[in-house]
């Protein structure tokens, strides 16, 4: 990969992206520039031969791709500050929550390839689900960005109109999954396991269930059928959960989060 990349804003997300791209050898460390006001926090990346600077303008001039990983309230000011350095070859990827492509375009100008990417916190271990949308992007640009985020988990291209929904399902969804695992742990303790053992069993079981769907491309009900024998303990537990509103409460929680983000 010959493209040069600058990551503006190296908090948890920006740093995770940089570390992931280097560890997966998507790019050489010296093709990557990371900016942060306090550069001493990036010494471990500098030690890998990445370029570290507090100068956003210099970083933009040195790269083709710019990943914007700052806080939402900082976005407009930072974009305005780098506009003088932007050239026709530049392409911008924003991982900033809630900032729409037309907002970015209104600052940097039209016709520049612009992307929004919505990763989740599992990006820290290279297991993110990242949703991507774009404007003015060629197929090769889109392929580059999806390949980039595939280094950090899995990615999918969606319409920007679905980005709020993606935030709920893919980002808030991490919290929903954690709450389900926590409930499993609590149940496991009640039936006799220690907290540590219940935690291991619950987390690995959920991980395995997810991998079954991802690797076999099956529907959840197909996998459920394989473990629900007639008059068995699995169907008894599932039916009790449904009687208590398990599925409906989860669906209502997802829609409640969506209505909150839209209002």
Protein backbone atom coordinates (compact mmCIF):
# COMPACT_ATOMS: atom_id res chain seq x y z
CA UNK A 1 0.00 0.00 0.00
CA UNK A 2 1.62 3.21 -1.19
CA UNK A 3 -0.91 5.73 0.12
CA UNK A 4 0.10 8.07 2.91
CA UNK A 5 -2.28 8.59 5.82
CA UNK A 6 -2.65 11.31 8.44
CA UNK A 7 -4.77 10.81 11.54
CA UNK A 8 -5.79 14.13 13.06
CA UNK A 9 -6.68 13.67 16.68
CA UNK A 10 -5.10 10.73 18.44
CA UNK A 11 -7.32 10.02 21.40
CA UNK A 12 -8.48 6.46 22.05
CA UNK A 13 -10.07 6.04 18.62
CA UNK A 14 -7.35 7.66 16.53
CA UNK A 15 -4.64 5.78 18.39
CA UNK A 16 -6.48 2.46 17.99
CA UNK A 17 -6.73 3.05 14.24
CA UNK A 18 -3.02 3.86 13.99
CA UNK A 19 -1.97 0.86 16.06
CA UNK A 20 -4.25 -1.46 14.10
CA UNK A 21 -3.07 -0.32 10.68
CA UNK A 22 0.56 -0.73 11.70
CA UNK A 23 0.10 -4.12 13.40
CA UNK A 24 -1.83 -5.52 10.41
CA UNK A 25 0.82 -4.08 8.06
CA UNK A 26 -1.81 -2.24 6.05
CA UNK A 27 0.79 0.49 5.70
CA UNK A 28 4.33 1.00 6.81
CA UNK A 29 4.64 3.01 9.99
CA UNK A 30 6.58 5.72 8.17
CA UNK A 31 3.60 6.21 5.81
CA UNK A 32 1.48 7.21 8.78
CA UNK A 33 1.37 10.61 10.46
CA UNK A 34 -0.46 11.11 13.75
CA UNK A 35 -1.24 14.51 15.20
CA UNK A 36 -1.98 15.49 18.77
CA UNK A 37 -1.52 18.61 20.83
CA UNK A 38 0.47 16.70 23.46
CA UNK A 39 2.72 14.52 21.32
CA UNK A 40 4.42 12.84 24.29
CA UNK A 41 1.32 10.58 24.49
CA UNK A 42 2.34 9.15 21.10
CA UNK A 43 5.90 8.12 21.89
CA UNK A 44 5.06 4.42 21.44
CA UNK A 45 3.94 5.12 17.85
CA UNK A 46 6.96 7.28 17.16
CA UNK A 47 9.12 4.39 18.37
CA UNK A 48 7.53 2.25 15.62
CA UNK A 49 8.71 4.84 13.04
CA UNK A 50 5.37 6.64 12.60
CA UNK A 51 5.51 10.41 12.20
CA UNK A 52 4.20 12.28 15.23
CA UNK A 53 3.45 16.00 15.20
CA UNK A 54 1.26 18.72 16.68
CA UNK A 55 1.19 20.53 13.31
CA UNK A 56 -2.01 19.59 11.47
CA UNK A 57 -1.11 21.65 8.39
CA UNK A 58 2.25 19.93 7.92
CA UNK A 59 0.62 16.54 8.48
CA UNK A 60 -2.04 17.21 5.83
CA UNK A 61 0.56 18.31 3.31
CA UNK A 62 2.47 15.08 3.88
CA UNK A 63 -0.47 12.74 3.20
CA UNK A 64 -3.10 11.77 0.66
CA UNK A 65 -5.67 10.39 3.09
CA UNK A 66 -6.80 12.33 6.16
CA UNK A 67 -8.64 10.55 8.97
CA UNK A 68 -10.43 13.03 11.19
CA UNK A 69 -10.74 11.56 14.71
CA UNK A 70 -11.56 14.55 16.91
CA UNK A 71 -14.46 15.47 19.16
CA UNK A 72 -17.62 16.71 17.42
CA UNK A 73 -17.35 20.24 18.84
CA UNK A 74 -13.78 20.53 17.49
CA UNK A 75 -14.58 19.39 13.97
CA UNK A 76 -15.54 22.64 12.25
CA UNK A 77 -12.61 24.63 13.63
CA UNK A 78 -10.06 21.94 12.74
CA UNK A 79 -11.45 21.54 9.22
CA UNK A 80 -11.35 25.30 8.71
CA UNK A 81 -7.74 25.38 9.89
CA UNK A 82 -6.56 22.76 7.37
CA UNK A 83 -8.48 24.08 4.35
CA UNK A 84 -5.46 26.12 3.11
CA UNK A 85 -3.43 22.89 2.93
CA UNK A 86 -6.02 20.83 1.07
CA UNK A 87 -5.27 19.90 -2.55
CA UNK A 88 -7.27 18.03 -5.24
CA UNK A 89 -5.56 14.74 -4.38
CA UNK A 90 -6.72 14.79 -0.76
CA UNK A 91 -9.44 12.50 0.59
CA UNK A 92 -11.05 12.82 4.02
CA UNK A 93 -12.43 10.09 6.30
CA UNK A 94 -14.36 11.35 9.32
CA UNK A 95 -14.90 9.04 12.29
CA UNK A 96 -16.56 11.87 14.22
CA UNK A 97 -19.95 10.94 15.65
CA UNK A 98 -22.91 12.97 14.43
CA UNK A 99 -21.11 15.14 11.86
CA UNK A 100 -22.72 14.72 8.43
CA UNK A 101 -20.94 14.75 5.11
CA UNK A 102 -22.71 17.90 3.93
CA UNK A 103 -21.39 19.70 7.03
CA UNK A 104 -17.84 18.69 6.13
CA UNK A 105 -18.39 19.56 2.47
CA UNK A 106 -19.64 23.03 3.38
CA UNK A 107 -16.23 23.73 4.92
CA UNK A 108 -13.76 21.93 2.64
CA UNK A 109 -15.61 22.51 -0.64
CA UNK A 110 -17.32 20.30 -3.19
CA UNK A 111 -16.03 17.37 -5.24
CA UNK A 112 -13.45 16.19 -2.69
CA UNK A 113 -13.98 12.50 -1.82
CA UNK A 114 -15.48 12.46 1.68
CA UNK A 115 -16.23 9.49 3.91
CA UNK A 116 -17.98 8.93 7.21
CA UNK A 117 -17.03 5.82 9.14
CA UNK A 118 -18.74 4.63 12.32
CA UNK A 119 -16.58 2.08 14.19
CA UNK A 120 -17.33 0.78 17.68
CA UNK A 121 -15.19 0.35 20.78
CA UNK A 122 -14.07 -3.15 19.75
CA UNK A 123 -11.75 -1.37 17.32
CA UNK A 124 -9.31 -1.36 20.27
CA UNK A 125 -8.82 -5.12 19.74
CA UNK A 126 -9.29 -5.19 15.96
CA UNK A 127 -12.89 -6.45 16.14
CA UNK A 128 -14.91 -3.37 15.22
CA UNK A 129 -18.06 -3.33 13.13
CA UNK A 130 -17.58 -0.23 10.99
CA UNK A 131 -20.31 1.30 8.82
CA UNK A 132 -19.14 3.53 5.96
CA UNK A 133 -20.79 6.05 3.64
CA UNK A 134 -19.35 8.54 1.16
CA UNK A 135 -19.86 11.27 -1.43
CA UNK A 136 -17.76 12.09 -4.52
CA UNK A 137 -15.83 8.83 -4.06
CA UNK A 138 -14.68 6.51 -6.81
CA UNK A 139 -15.03 2.73 -6.53
CA UNK A 140 -11.29 2.49 -5.91
CA UNK A 141 -11.59 5.04 -3.08
CA UNK A 142 -14.44 3.06 -1.53
CA UNK A 143 -12.45 -0.17 -1.88
CA UNK A 144 -9.48 1.48 -0.15
CA UNK A 145 -11.56 2.67 2.82
CA UNK A 146 -13.38 -0.63 3.29
CA UNK A 147 -10.08 -2.50 3.12
CA UNK A 148 -8.62 -0.09 5.67
CA UNK A 149 -11.40 -0.72 8.17
CA UNK A 150 -11.41 -4.45 7.43
CA UNK A 151 -7.98 -4.43 9.10
CA UNK A 152 -9.75 -3.33 12.28
CA UNK A 153 -12.66 -5.77 12.21
CA UNK A 154 -15.42 -5.89 9.62
CA UNK A 155 -16.90 -3.09 7.51
CA UNK A 156 -20.00 -2.48 5.44
CA UNK A 157 -21.01 0.34 3.09
CA UNK A 158 -24.42 1.89 3.84
CA UNK A 159 -26.39 5.00 2.93
CA UNK A 160 -25.71 8.02 5.10
CA UNK A 161 -29.41 8.14 6.01
CA UNK A 162 -28.80 4.93 7.98
CA UNK A 163 -25.82 6.27 9.94
CA UNK A 164 -27.89 7.09 13.02
CA UNK A 165 -29.36 3.60 12.92
CA UNK A 166 -25.83 2.21 12.51
CA UNK A 167 -24.76 4.10 15.62
CA UNK A 168 -27.54 2.47 17.62
CA UNK A 169 -27.11 -1.08 16.29
CA UNK A 170 -23.33 -1.15 15.94
CA UNK A 171 -22.06 1.22 18.63
CA UNK A 172 -24.78 1.28 21.30
CA UNK A 173 -25.14 -2.41 20.49
CA UNK A 174 -21.88 -3.10 22.30
CA UNK A 175 -23.51 -1.94 25.52
CA UNK A 176 -26.61 -4.06 24.85
CA UNK A 177 -24.42 -7.13 24.33
CA UNK A 178 -22.48 -6.37 27.51
CA UNK A 179 -25.71 -6.09 29.50
CA UNK A 180 -26.82 -9.48 28.13
CA UNK A 181 -23.48 -11.01 29.12
CA UNK A 182 -23.72 -9.42 32.57
CA UNK A 183 -27.16 -10.96 33.07
CA UNK A 184 -25.75 -14.34 32.00
CA UNK A 185 -22.97 -13.97 34.57
CA UNK A 186 -25.47 -13.12 37.31
CA UNK A 187 -27.56 -16.14 36.39
CA UNK A 188 -24.46 -18.30 36.33
CA UNK A 189 -23.55 -17.22 39.85
CA UNK A 190 -27.07 -18.01 41.04
CA UNK A 191 -26.82 -21.57 39.76
CA UNK A 192 -23.45 -22.21 41.37
CA UNK A 193 -20.48 -20.75 39.48
CA UNK A 194 -17.96 -18.27 40.81
CA UNK A 195 -18.07 -14.81 39.23
CA UNK A 196 -14.80 -15.41 37.35
CA UNK A 197 -15.91 -18.77 35.96
CA UNK A 198 -19.36 -17.51 35.01
CA UNK A 199 -17.77 -14.52 33.27
CA UNK A 200 -15.47 -16.74 31.20
CA UNK A 201 -18.25 -19.14 30.21
CA UNK A 202 -20.70 -16.36 29.34
CA UNK A 203 -18.24 -14.26 27.31
CA UNK A 204 -16.80 -17.18 25.34
CA UNK A 205 -20.27 -18.60 24.67
CA UNK A 206 -21.46 -15.28 23.22
CA UNK A 207 -18.26 -14.96 21.20
CA UNK A 208 -18.76 -18.48 19.81
CA UNK A 209 -22.41 -17.82 18.98
CA UNK A 210 -21.47 -14.67 17.05
CA UNK A 211 -18.73 -16.51 15.15
CA UNK A 212 -21.21 -19.21 14.12
CA UNK A 213 -23.36 -16.57 12.43
CA UNK A 214 -20.42 -14.75 10.87
CA UNK A 215 -18.59 -17.79 9.57
CA UNK A 216 -21.56 -19.95 8.53
CA UNK A 217 -23.78 -17.05 7.39
CA UNK A 218 -26.79 -18.68 9.03
CA UNK A 219 -29.86 -17.18 10.69
CA UNK A 220 -29.95 -17.20 14.52
CA UNK A 221 -33.04 -19.44 14.52
CA UNK A 222 -31.15 -22.12 12.59
CA UNK A 223 -28.50 -22.25 15.33
CA UNK A 224 -31.15 -22.10 18.06
CA UNK A 225 -32.92 -25.11 16.56
CA UNK A 226 -29.72 -27.15 16.90
CA UNK A 227 -29.73 -26.83 20.70
CA UNK A 228 -33.46 -26.94 21.45
CA UNK A 229 -34.51 -30.56 21.92
CA UNK A 230 -38.14 -31.48 22.65
CA UNK A 231 -39.02 -30.97 26.32
CA UNK A 232 -35.44 -29.86 26.89
CA UNK A 233 -33.91 -27.26 29.20
CA UNK A 234 -33.02 -24.84 26.38
CA UNK A 235 -36.57 -24.40 25.10
CA UNK A 236 -37.84 -24.11 28.66
CA UNK A 237 -35.43 -21.25 29.30
CA UNK A 238 -36.13 -19.54 25.98
CA UNK A 239 -39.88 -19.70 26.49
CA UNK A 240 -39.59 -18.23 29.99
CA UNK A 241 -37.41 -15.38 28.66
CA UNK A 242 -40.00 -14.65 25.96
CA UNK A 243 -42.83 -14.74 28.52
CA UNK A 244 -40.88 -12.11 30.47
CA UNK A 245 -40.53 -9.93 27.37
CA UNK A 246 -36.89 -10.61 26.44
CA UNK A 247 -37.09 -9.98 22.69
CA UNK A 248 -39.66 -7.19 22.90
CA UNK A 249 -37.68 -5.31 25.57
CA UNK A 250 -34.52 -5.51 23.47
CA UNK A 251 -36.33 -4.25 20.37
CA UNK A 252 -37.93 -1.45 22.39
CA UNK A 253 -34.51 -0.51 23.77
CA UNK A 254 -33.02 -0.28 20.28
CA UNK A 255 -35.89 1.87 19.00
CA UNK A 256 -35.72 4.07 22.13
CA UNK A 257 -32.04 4.73 21.46
CA UNK A 258 -32.80 5.50 17.83
CA UNK A 259 -35.56 7.98 18.69
CA UNK A 260 -33.18 9.62 21.19
CA UNK A 261 -30.40 10.07 18.62
CA UNK A 262 -32.86 11.48 16.07
CA UNK A 263 -34.32 14.08 18.46
